[in-house]
Protein backbone atom coordinates (compact mmCIF):
# COMPACT_ATOMS: atom_id res chain seq x y z
CA MET A 1 40.61 20.75 -9.44
CA GLY A 2 42.29 23.90 -10.24
CA SER A 3 41.17 24.67 -13.75
CA ASP A 4 39.48 27.78 -14.95
CA LEU A 5 36.39 25.93 -15.55
CA TYR A 6 36.36 24.63 -11.95
CA MET A 7 36.95 28.13 -10.57
CA ARG A 8 34.20 29.68 -12.60
CA LEU A 9 31.67 27.02 -11.63
CA LYS A 10 32.87 27.16 -7.94
CA ASN A 11 32.33 30.91 -7.89
CA ALA A 12 28.84 30.44 -9.54
CA VAL A 13 27.64 27.89 -6.91
CA ASN A 14 28.92 30.03 -4.12
CA SER A 15 27.11 32.97 -5.35
CA VAL A 16 23.67 31.43 -4.45
CA THR A 17 22.04 31.30 -1.07
CA PRO A 18 20.25 27.88 -1.23
CA SER A 19 22.13 24.59 -0.90
CA SER A 20 23.44 24.01 -4.31
CA ALA A 21 25.85 21.66 -6.23
CA ILE A 22 26.91 21.30 -9.83
CA PHE A 23 26.89 17.90 -11.46
CA LYS A 24 28.96 16.57 -14.30
CA VAL A 25 26.65 14.25 -16.15
CA THR A 26 28.20 11.79 -18.74
CA VAL A 27 26.56 9.80 -21.52
CA ASP A 28 27.62 6.67 -23.41
CA GLU A 29 28.38 6.31 -27.10
CA ASN A 30 24.61 6.23 -27.89
CA GLY A 31 23.92 9.46 -26.02
CA ASN A 32 22.24 7.70 -23.12
CA PHE A 33 22.85 8.50 -19.44
CA LYS A 34 25.99 6.82 -18.17
CA ASP A 35 26.79 8.32 -14.73
CA MET A 36 26.87 11.48 -12.60
CA HIS A 37 29.52 12.99 -10.39
CA TYR A 38 29.68 16.03 -8.06
CA PHE A 39 31.82 18.61 -9.71
CA THR A 40 31.54 21.23 -6.93
CA MET A 41 29.15 22.51 -4.29
CA ASN A 42 28.53 25.46 -1.97
CA LYS A 43 28.94 25.42 1.92
CA SER A 44 25.24 25.24 2.63
CA PHE A 45 25.05 22.05 0.53
CA LEU A 46 28.08 20.58 2.41
CA MET A 47 26.42 21.46 5.83
CA ASP A 48 23.21 19.69 4.85
CA CYS A 49 25.10 16.68 3.82
CA MET A 50 27.02 16.57 6.91
CA ALA A 51 24.00 16.78 9.05
CA MET A 52 21.95 14.29 7.05
CA PHE A 53 24.43 11.71 5.79
CA PHE A 54 27.86 12.21 7.30
CA GLN A 55 27.19 13.08 10.99
CA ASN A 56 28.76 9.78 12.30
CA GLU A 57 31.91 10.17 10.36
CA ASP A 58 35.28 10.33 12.30
CA GLY A 59 36.98 13.70 12.93
CA GLN A 60 35.89 14.66 16.41
CA ASN A 61 39.18 16.50 16.77
CA LEU A 62 38.36 18.80 13.84
CA SER A 63 36.62 22.21 13.95
CA LEU A 64 33.38 22.59 11.93
CA GLU A 65 35.32 24.53 9.24
CA GLU A 66 37.86 21.73 8.86
CA LYS A 67 35.15 19.17 8.67
CA VAL A 68 33.49 21.19 5.85
CA VAL A 69 36.97 21.22 4.03
CA GLU A 70 37.40 17.49 4.50
CA LEU A 71 33.95 16.71 3.28
CA GLU A 72 34.37 18.90 0.26
CA LYS A 73 37.51 17.06 -0.73
CA LYS A 74 35.72 13.74 -0.35
CA MET A 75 32.56 14.66 -2.41
CA GLU A 76 34.09 16.62 -5.31
CA GLY A 77 34.58 14.22 -8.23
CA ALA A 78 32.78 11.38 -6.41
CA PRO A 79 29.56 9.79 -7.71
CA TYR A 80 26.34 11.44 -6.54
CA THR A 81 25.52 8.04 -4.85
CA ILE A 82 28.24 8.72 -2.25
CA ASN A 83 25.43 10.14 -0.03
CA VAL A 84 22.17 9.07 -1.49
CA PRO A 85 20.98 5.70 -3.09
CA LYS A 86 20.87 5.59 -6.97
CA GLU A 87 17.64 7.13 -8.17
CA PRO A 88 16.74 6.83 -11.95
CA LYS A 89 14.17 9.66 -11.65
CA PHE A 90 16.70 12.10 -10.27
CA GLU A 91 19.24 11.05 -12.93
CA ASP A 92 16.67 11.69 -15.62
CA PHE A 93 16.00 15.16 -14.44
CA CYS A 94 19.74 15.94 -14.28
CA TYR A 95 20.40 14.34 -17.74
CA ARG A 96 17.59 16.47 -19.30
CA ALA A 97 18.83 19.64 -17.60
CA ALA A 98 22.47 19.12 -18.77
CA TRP A 99 21.94 17.55 -22.12
CA LYS A 100 18.50 18.64 -23.23
CA LYS A 101 19.01 22.07 -21.67
CA GLN A 102 15.68 21.83 -20.04
CA PRO A 103 15.30 23.87 -16.75
CA ILE A 104 13.32 21.56 -14.40
CA HIS A 105 11.46 22.60 -11.26
CA THR A 106 9.70 20.01 -8.92
CA TYR A 107 8.12 20.09 -5.47
CA VAL A 108 7.94 16.60 -3.87
CA ASP A 109 7.18 14.97 -0.54
CA THR A 110 10.33 13.41 0.80
CA THR A 111 9.23 13.35 4.37
CA MET A 112 9.37 9.58 4.57
CA MET A 113 13.21 9.79 3.57
CA TYR A 114 14.30 13.07 5.05
CA GLY A 115 11.41 14.39 7.05
CA TYR A 116 11.14 17.47 4.74
CA TRP A 117 9.20 18.51 1.59
CA THR A 118 11.71 19.28 -0.99
CA GLU A 119 11.69 21.95 -3.78
CA ASP A 120 14.35 21.07 -6.39
CA TYR A 121 15.56 23.17 -9.34
CA MET A 122 17.89 21.71 -12.13
CA ILE A 123 19.32 24.36 -14.27
CA PRO A 124 21.47 23.84 -17.48
CA ILE A 125 24.91 25.11 -17.66
CA ASP A 126 26.50 26.08 -20.97
CA VAL A 127 30.17 25.06 -20.95
CA PRO A 128 32.28 25.67 -24.11
CA ASP A 129 33.16 22.43 -26.04
CA ASP A 130 36.98 23.08 -25.76
CA GLU A 131 36.52 23.09 -21.97
CA LYS A 132 34.91 19.68 -21.53
CA GLU A 133 34.97 16.15 -22.90
CA PRO A 134 32.48 15.32 -25.67
CA ASN A 135 30.53 12.99 -23.51
CA GLU A 136 29.99 15.32 -20.56
CA ALA A 137 27.71 18.22 -19.75
CA PHE A 138 26.86 20.12 -16.57
CA CYS A 139 23.82 21.29 -14.66
CA GLN A 140 23.35 23.11 -11.32
CA PHE A 141 21.11 21.57 -8.66
CA MET A 142 19.52 23.66 -6.02
CA TYR A 143 16.92 22.85 -3.41
CA THR A 144 15.12 24.03 -0.31
CA LEU A 145 13.53 22.10 2.55
CA ASN A 146 10.19 22.58 4.36
CA LYS A 147 8.87 20.69 7.33
CA GLU A 148 5.25 21.21 6.19
CA MET A 149 3.80 21.20 2.76
CA ASP A 150 3.52 24.76 1.25
CA THR A 151 0.45 24.83 -0.88
CA ASN A 152 1.64 28.08 -2.59
CA LYS A 153 4.28 25.94 -4.24
CA TYR A 154 1.65 24.44 -6.38
CA SER A 155 0.28 27.76 -7.59
CA GLY A 156 2.43 27.88 -10.71
CA VAL A 157 1.28 24.53 -12.24
CA SER A 158 0.29 24.71 -15.94
CA PRO A 159 -3.28 25.32 -16.75
CA ASP A 160 -3.89 21.91 -18.27
CA ILE A 161 -2.54 20.22 -15.07
CA ALA A 162 -4.52 22.47 -12.87
CA SER A 163 -7.81 21.78 -14.86
CA PHE A 164 -7.15 17.98 -14.59
CA VAL A 165 -6.54 18.06 -10.92
CA ILE A 166 -9.65 20.27 -10.28
CA LYS A 167 -11.70 17.73 -12.46
CA THR A 168 -10.49 14.82 -10.44
CA CYS A 169 -11.12 16.61 -7.08
CA LEU A 170 -14.71 17.41 -8.23
CA GLU A 171 -15.30 13.83 -8.99
CA LEU A 172 -14.02 12.72 -5.70
CA ARG A 173 -16.52 15.10 -3.93
CA ASN A 174 -19.58 14.00 -5.86
CA GLU A 175 -22.36 11.83 -4.56
CA ASN A 176 -21.01 8.59 -5.89
CA ASP A 177 -19.80 5.79 -3.60
CA PHE A 178 -16.07 5.35 -3.13
CA TYR A 179 -15.58 2.53 -5.75
CA SER A 180 -17.58 4.20 -8.35
CA SER A 181 -15.67 7.57 -7.94
CA MET A 182 -12.32 5.60 -8.11
CA ASP A 183 -13.46 3.91 -11.31
CA ILE A 184 -14.11 7.26 -13.01
CA VAL A 185 -11.00 8.93 -11.60
CA THR A 186 -8.90 5.99 -12.77
CA ARG A 187 -10.31 6.14 -16.25
CA TYR A 188 -9.44 9.99 -16.19
CA ILE A 189 -5.89 9.17 -15.19
CA ARG A 190 -5.27 6.51 -17.89
CA GLU A 191 -6.59 8.85 -20.51
CA TYR A 192 -4.64 11.80 -19.41
CA THR A 193 -1.36 9.86 -19.16
CA ASP A 194 -2.16 7.99 -22.46
CA SER A 195 -1.24 4.74 -20.65
CA ALA A 196 -2.23 1.22 -21.31
CA ALA A 197 -3.45 0.72 -17.75
CA ALA A 198 -3.98 2.50 -14.58
CA SER A 199 -5.08 1.38 -11.18
CA VAL A 200 -5.88 2.53 -7.68
CA MET A 201 -4.92 0.15 -4.91
CA SER A 202 -5.36 0.01 -1.11
CA TYR A 203 -2.57 -1.40 1.09
CA GLN A 204 -2.94 -2.68 4.62
CA PRO A 205 0.39 -4.33 5.93
CA ASP A 206 -0.89 -5.09 9.37
CA LEU A 207 -3.61 -7.30 7.76
CA GLU A 208 -1.24 -8.55 4.95
CA LYS A 209 -3.88 -7.37 2.51
CA TYR A 210 -4.11 -5.20 -0.62
CA GLU A 211 -6.87 -4.67 -3.00
CA VAL A 212 -7.19 -3.41 -6.57
CA VAL A 213 -9.88 -0.87 -5.82
CA SER A 214 -10.24 0.26 -9.51
CA ASP A 215 -8.66 -0.20 -12.89
CA ALA A 216 -8.86 1.11 -16.42
CA THR A 217 -7.17 -0.28 -19.53
CA ASP A 218 -7.00 0.52 -23.17
CA ASN A 219 -7.91 -3.09 -24.01
CA PRO A 220 -11.19 -4.46 -22.57
CA GLN A 221 -9.75 -7.96 -22.71
CA ILE A 222 -7.13 -6.95 -20.13
CA SER A 223 -7.92 -6.57 -16.50
CA LEU A 224 -5.45 -5.45 -13.81
CA LYS A 225 -7.82 -6.97 -11.24
CA LYS A 226 -7.50 -10.21 -12.83
CA ILE A 227 -3.68 -9.89 -13.16
CA PHE A 228 -3.18 -8.93 -9.59
CA SER A 229 -5.50 -11.71 -8.25
CA SER A 230 -2.51 -14.11 -8.89
CA ILE A 231 0.16 -11.85 -7.44
CA PRO A 232 0.86 -12.56 -3.62
CA PHE A 233 0.84 -9.79 -1.07
CA SER A 234 4.59 -10.31 -0.52
CA ILE A 235 5.37 -8.75 -4.00
CA VAL A 236 3.19 -5.66 -3.30
CA ALA A 237 4.69 -5.47 0.15
CA SER A 238 8.20 -5.31 -1.51
CA TRP A 239 7.24 -1.91 -3.04
CA GLU A 240 7.75 -0.29 0.40
CA LYS A 241 11.47 -0.78 -0.01
CA LEU A 242 11.35 1.40 -3.20
CA PHE A 243 10.05 4.38 -1.45
CA ARG A 244 12.80 4.67 1.28
CA THR A 245 14.68 6.99 -1.08
CA SER A 246 12.04 8.40 -3.36
CA ASN A 247 8.41 9.53 -3.39
CA ILE A 248 7.71 8.09 -6.86
CA VAL A 249 9.10 5.16 -8.95
CA ILE A 250 9.40 5.74 -12.63
CA ILE A 251 10.68 2.93 -14.87
CA ARG A 252 11.50 4.16 -18.51
CA ASP A 253 13.71 1.45 -19.87
CA GLU A 254 15.57 -1.74 -19.23
CA ASN A 255 18.25 0.13 -17.28
CA ASP A 256 15.71 1.27 -14.81
CA MET A 257 14.20 -2.31 -14.80
CA GLU A 258 17.75 -3.57 -13.83
CA HIS A 259 18.14 -1.08 -11.12
CA TYR A 260 14.77 -1.95 -9.41
CA ALA A 261 15.32 -5.70 -10.01
CA LYS A 262 18.08 -5.43 -7.35
CA ILE A 263 15.46 -4.17 -4.85
CA ALA A 264 12.32 -6.06 -5.80
CA PRO A 265 13.37 -8.86 -8.18
CA GLU A 266 10.10 -10.81 -8.04
CA TRP A 267 8.02 -7.73 -8.76
CA ILE A 268 10.19 -6.81 -11.70
CA GLN A 269 9.83 -10.36 -13.07
CA THR A 270 5.97 -9.94 -12.96
CA LEU A 271 6.38 -6.78 -15.10
CA ARG A 272 8.46 -8.64 -17.68
CA ASP A 273 6.08 -11.55 -17.54
CA ASN A 274 3.14 -9.09 -18.43
CA ASP A 275 5.22 -7.16 -20.99
CA VAL A 276 5.26 -3.85 -19.11
CA THR A 277 8.08 -1.75 -20.52
CA ASN A 278 7.54 1.39 -18.54
CA LEU A 279 5.73 2.22 -15.39
CA CYS A 280 4.98 4.89 -12.78
CA LEU A 281 4.16 3.94 -9.23
CA VAL A 282 3.08 6.54 -6.54
CA PRO A 283 2.41 5.71 -2.88
CA PHE A 284 -0.41 7.13 -0.90
CA ILE A 285 0.90 8.41 2.38
CA HIS A 286 -1.21 8.98 5.45
CA GLN A 287 0.33 9.91 8.81
CA GLY A 288 3.76 8.66 7.63
CA ALA A 289 2.61 5.29 6.47
CA ILE A 290 1.78 3.88 2.90
CA ILE A 291 -1.89 3.09 2.68
CA GLY A 292 -2.25 2.61 -1.11
CA PHE A 293 -0.70 3.17 -4.53
CA LEU A 294 -1.42 4.68 -7.99
CA TYR A 295 -0.17 2.29 -10.62
CA ILE A 296 0.25 3.39 -14.19
CA ALA A 297 1.66 1.09 -16.87
CA LYS A 298 2.94 1.87 -20.42
CA PHE A 299 2.46 5.62 -20.47
CA ASP A 300 3.63 8.23 -22.85
CA LEU A 301 7.29 8.74 -22.01
CA ALA A 302 7.41 11.99 -24.15
CA SER A 303 5.21 13.48 -21.48
CA LEU A 304 7.13 12.16 -18.49
CA THR A 305 7.51 15.55 -16.74
CA ARG A 306 3.87 16.56 -17.11
CA VAL A 307 2.72 12.98 -15.99
CA LYS A 308 5.01 13.07 -12.92
CA GLU A 309 3.90 16.60 -11.89
CA THR A 310 0.26 15.70 -12.43
CA ILE A 311 0.07 12.40 -10.70
CA GLU A 312 2.01 13.61 -7.72
CA MET A 313 -0.66 16.31 -7.29
CA VAL A 314 -3.58 13.92 -7.79
CA SER A 315 -2.03 11.29 -5.47
CA PHE A 316 -2.06 13.84 -2.63
CA PHE A 317 -5.86 14.05 -2.95
CA LEU A 318 -6.36 10.33 -3.50
CA SER A 319 -4.40 9.67 -0.34
CA ALA A 320 -6.92 11.46 1.68
CA GLU A 321 -9.80 9.61 -0.02
CA MET A 322 -8.20 6.32 0.61
CA ALA A 323 -7.49 7.01 4.16
CA ASN A 324 -11.09 7.89 4.72
CA HIS A 325 -12.23 4.74 2.90
CA LEU A 326 -9.95 2.50 5.03
CA PHE A 327 -11.06 4.19 8.24
CA LEU A 328 -14.68 3.57 7.53
CA GLU A 329 -13.94 -0.02 6.32
CA ARG A 330 -12.04 -0.61 9.67
CA LEU A 331 -14.93 0.83 11.61
CA GLU A 332 -17.37 -1.35 9.89
CA TYR A 333 -15.19 -4.47 10.46
CA LEU A 334 -14.87 -3.68 14.16
CA SER A 335 -18.65 -3.27 14.44
CA ASN A 336 -19.47 -6.57 12.64
CA VAL A 337 -16.42 -8.98 13.44
CA ASP A 338 -15.55 -10.56 16.78
CA ILE A 339 -11.97 -9.52 17.23
CA LEU A 340 -10.85 -12.50 19.13
CA THR A 341 -11.95 -15.07 16.58
CA GLY A 342 -12.42 -13.29 13.32
CA VAL A 343 -15.94 -14.65 12.73
CA LYS A 344 -19.01 -12.29 12.71
CA ASN A 345 -20.20 -10.96 15.98
CA ARG A 346 -23.61 -10.95 17.70
CA ASN A 347 -24.42 -7.45 16.41
CA CYS A 348 -23.80 -8.58 12.80
CA MET A 349 -26.02 -11.79 13.55
CA ASN A 350 -28.91 -9.64 14.72
CA VAL A 351 -28.81 -7.44 11.65
CA ASP A 352 -28.46 -10.44 9.30
CA VAL A 353 -31.33 -12.40 11.18
CA ASP A 354 -33.67 -9.34 10.80
CA GLU A 355 -32.84 -9.01 6.96
CA LEU A 356 -33.06 -12.70 6.33
CA ALA A 357 -36.24 -13.43 8.41
CA LEU A 358 -38.04 -10.61 6.32
CA LYS A 359 -36.66 -11.95 3.10
CA PHE A 360 -37.76 -15.61 3.80
CA GLU A 361 -41.09 -14.48 4.99
CA PHE A 362 -41.91 -13.00 1.42
CA ASP A 363 -39.70 -15.52 -0.43
CA PRO A 364 -39.50 -18.94 1.30
CA ARG A 365 -36.38 -20.92 0.37
CA PRO A 366 -34.37 -23.67 1.91
CA PHE A 367 -32.02 -22.80 4.80
CA THR A 368 -30.35 -24.42 7.78
CA VAL A 369 -29.32 -22.93 11.11
CA ALA A 370 -27.13 -24.46 13.79
CA PHE A 371 -25.89 -23.67 17.30
CA CYS A 372 -22.59 -24.88 18.53
CA ASP A 373 -21.79 -24.49 22.08
CA LEU A 374 -18.39 -25.24 23.70
CA ASN A 375 -18.47 -28.00 26.30
CA GLY A 376 -16.28 -27.54 29.49
CA LEU A 377 -15.18 -23.95 28.82
CA LYS A 378 -15.63 -22.99 32.46
CA THR A 379 -13.50 -25.92 33.64
CA ILE A 380 -10.69 -24.88 31.37
CA ASN A 381 -10.96 -21.21 32.68
CA ASP A 382 -10.98 -22.42 36.34
CA ASN A 383 -8.15 -24.89 35.96
CA GLN A 384 -5.92 -23.40 33.30
CA GLY A 385 -6.80 -19.68 33.30
CA HIS A 386 -8.72 -17.40 31.04
CA ASP A 387 -5.80 -17.25 28.44
CA ALA A 388 -6.22 -20.94 27.90
CA GLY A 389 -9.97 -20.42 27.70
CA ASP A 390 -9.45 -17.73 24.99
CA LYS A 391 -7.19 -20.07 23.07
CA LEU A 392 -9.93 -22.71 23.11
CA ILE A 393 -12.48 -20.24 21.78
CA VAL A 394 -9.96 -19.32 18.94
CA ALA A 395 -9.30 -22.97 18.11
CA ALA A 396 -13.15 -23.61 18.24
CA ALA A 397 -13.66 -20.63 15.57
CA ASP A 398 -10.86 -22.02 13.43
CA VAL A 399 -12.46 -25.44 13.17
CA LEU A 400 -15.87 -23.83 12.38
CA LYS A 401 -14.30 -21.74 9.70
CA ASP A 402 -12.70 -24.76 8.11
CA VAL A 403 -15.78 -26.83 8.10
CA PHE A 404 -18.30 -24.13 7.24
CA LYS A 405 -16.28 -22.34 4.55
CA ASP A 406 -19.27 -21.00 2.59
CA ASP A 407 -21.68 -20.26 5.46
CA ASN A 408 -22.17 -17.36 7.80
CA ILE A 409 -20.58 -18.08 11.17
CA TYR A 410 -21.25 -15.93 14.22
CA ARG A 411 -19.87 -15.90 17.74
CA ALA A 412 -23.34 -15.40 19.39
CA GLY A 413 -22.06 -15.37 23.01
CA GLY A 414 -19.02 -16.13 25.12
CA ASP A 415 -18.79 -19.77 24.22
CA GLU A 416 -21.60 -20.01 21.80
CA PHE A 417 -21.43 -19.96 18.05
CA SER A 418 -24.28 -19.99 15.43
CA ILE A 419 -24.32 -20.84 11.70
CA ILE A 420 -26.77 -19.78 9.00
CA SER A 421 -26.47 -21.59 5.69
CA THR A 422 -28.52 -20.38 2.62
CA HIS A 423 -27.40 -23.00 0.15
CA GLY A 424 -26.96 -26.74 -0.15
CA THR A 425 -29.29 -29.57 0.94
CA GLU A 426 -29.97 -30.89 4.42
CA GLU A 427 -27.69 -33.86 3.58
CA ASP A 428 -24.83 -31.42 2.63
CA PHE A 429 -25.22 -29.63 6.00
CA LYS A 430 -25.48 -32.94 7.91
CA ALA A 431 -22.16 -33.97 6.42
CA LYS A 432 -20.63 -30.76 7.70
CA ILE A 433 -22.12 -31.51 11.17
CA ASP A 434 -20.62 -35.02 11.01
CA LYS A 435 -17.19 -33.62 10.06
CA LEU A 436 -17.37 -31.13 12.97
CA ARG A 437 -18.12 -33.77 15.48
CA GLU A 438 -15.12 -35.63 14.13
CA LEU A 439 -12.85 -32.57 14.59
CA ALA A 440 -14.32 -31.44 17.90
CA SER A 441 -14.63 -34.54 19.91
CA ASP A 442 -12.01 -34.21 22.71
CA PRO A 443 -13.86 -33.79 26.05
CA ASP A 444 -10.63 -32.38 27.64
CA TRP A 445 -10.33 -29.73 25.23
CA LEU A 446 -12.42 -28.95 22.03
CA SER A 447 -15.89 -30.41 22.24
CA PHE A 448 -19.07 -28.91 20.86
CA ALA A 449 -22.83 -29.41 21.93
CA ILE A 450 -24.53 -29.12 18.59
CA GLY A 451 -28.22 -28.57 17.40
CA TYR A 452 -29.29 -27.70 13.98
CA TYR A 453 -32.65 -27.33 12.15
CA HIS A 454 -33.35 -27.36 8.43
CA ASP A 455 -36.22 -25.54 6.83
CA GLU A 456 -37.24 -26.43 3.48
CA THR A 457 -40.41 -24.47 2.66
CA GLU A 458 -41.68 -22.56 5.75
CA GLY A 459 -39.30 -19.59 5.75
CA LYS A 460 -39.51 -19.06 9.49
CA LEU A 461 -35.95 -18.21 10.48
CA ARG A 462 -36.41 -17.31 14.13
CA LEU A 463 -38.59 -20.44 14.79
CA ALA A 464 -35.83 -22.58 13.20
CA MET A 465 -33.19 -20.84 15.35
CA ARG A 466 -35.34 -21.71 18.55
CA TYR A 467 -35.55 -25.44 17.45
CA ALA A 468 -31.76 -25.50 16.81
CA ASP A 469 -31.11 -23.96 20.15
CA GLU A 470 -33.28 -26.54 21.83
CA ARG A 471 -31.56 -29.41 20.19
CA MET A 472 -28.21 -27.95 21.12
CA TYR A 473 -29.10 -27.83 24.81
CA LYS A 474 -30.26 -31.51 24.59
CA ASP A 475 -26.87 -32.53 23.16
CA LYS A 476 -25.11 -30.44 25.87
CA ASN A 477 -27.06 -32.26 28.58
CA ALA A 478 -25.96 -35.64 27.03
CA PHE A 479 -22.39 -34.53 27.26
CA TYR A 480 -22.41 -33.58 30.91
CA LYS A 481 -24.24 -36.80 31.69
CA ALA A 482 -21.39 -38.65 30.19
CA HIS A 483 -18.81 -36.32 31.72
CA PRO A 484 -20.22 -35.19 34.96
CA GLU A 485 -16.92 -33.67 36.25
CA LYS A 486 -17.11 -31.13 33.29
CA ARG A 487 -20.47 -29.78 34.53
CA ARG A 488 -20.60 -25.99 35.16
């Protein structure tokens, strides 16, 4: 590259201190983005690339200066994907800077990819027509890296964006519960982005669980909650792969669809099935992990830059709210659920019994209670060890969850479970007991002593529990009479 244009642009890129490169952006016959190549870059840019992307390259015998020269030869004229994955959002910024002559400034969280916050500038470069091909244009790319977020970088946002972000934050800080606030904020976001649908979602990969916390649509007949109810966790989990190289996913057209179809094909198919032609997806990040998403479908593409800048800022605050919500949800789970078995624990049983006993006292209605105590657990623990005993307890809970799907199941003690059923007839419950005895009738492994009591009109829950407990002990005595070797 020895032309006058190259030398002028080389001098221009070397005259700036920040890491900088000049891109040549080409378009197809319809004026749409085609590809983008490095034209030239400064030494700071090359040093960054060497540290982040080419540190394992051969050339141990070369000096640092020689390595920089070799890398420069390798990168100049190469596609920009030589050192980073293809990124439609980045391509769009450079295209608009080169061809639309729009200066672009953005400050984004790229800590998941590179460990830094990145401040980017894309600056149009005016090149005379007689020095370039008709299908090519140029822009200069500059960036700075920060280990921590610099809040001052957001001070220059436009008044309408600042106003919207403040409005959103005030709503998040009001007295409404989490779900009500998210409903309102999601409606704000949908209206601000002029989108067909918007949604806030939580994401817990360790539990293989996600939840559509809130949604808002421009058509009351369409519900994102309903649509996502048929979408398996694996599809939402595939979104994590999209954010290995980007802090936001923007799909503008079919070309972007094709790009992301290579990474998450099943998800892209769901978009096509639901006639989603453009989309914006932003992750909520907490302590380096994704804990949720902001999902916006069919937004106003003419306002892409404003939409992107706004939702990136809003997502920063939504991430904090989501993290707090999931923490409290986990705390409640830990205080009410038995960790070993996944059924409710004794603390939860005591609270439920207090509430139901008071409710039944003033409004008697049919209910059934049961106690199911494992037979021979001590023998298993003594002969096979406590690990085997824990496996037996887990197996017992799994059987109970299978039989009493619609009832409240509690682990009342070490080997004792209780069930409270507030629906169905006594015959319905007896059928469940018969099924339980059929599934748990192995005296050498899983066997229950069972007692239950049905109350039709009295509404005395604690008395019913005492009767059920007494019947369970009669059943246990019968078991040990038949199997004296199992007696504790």
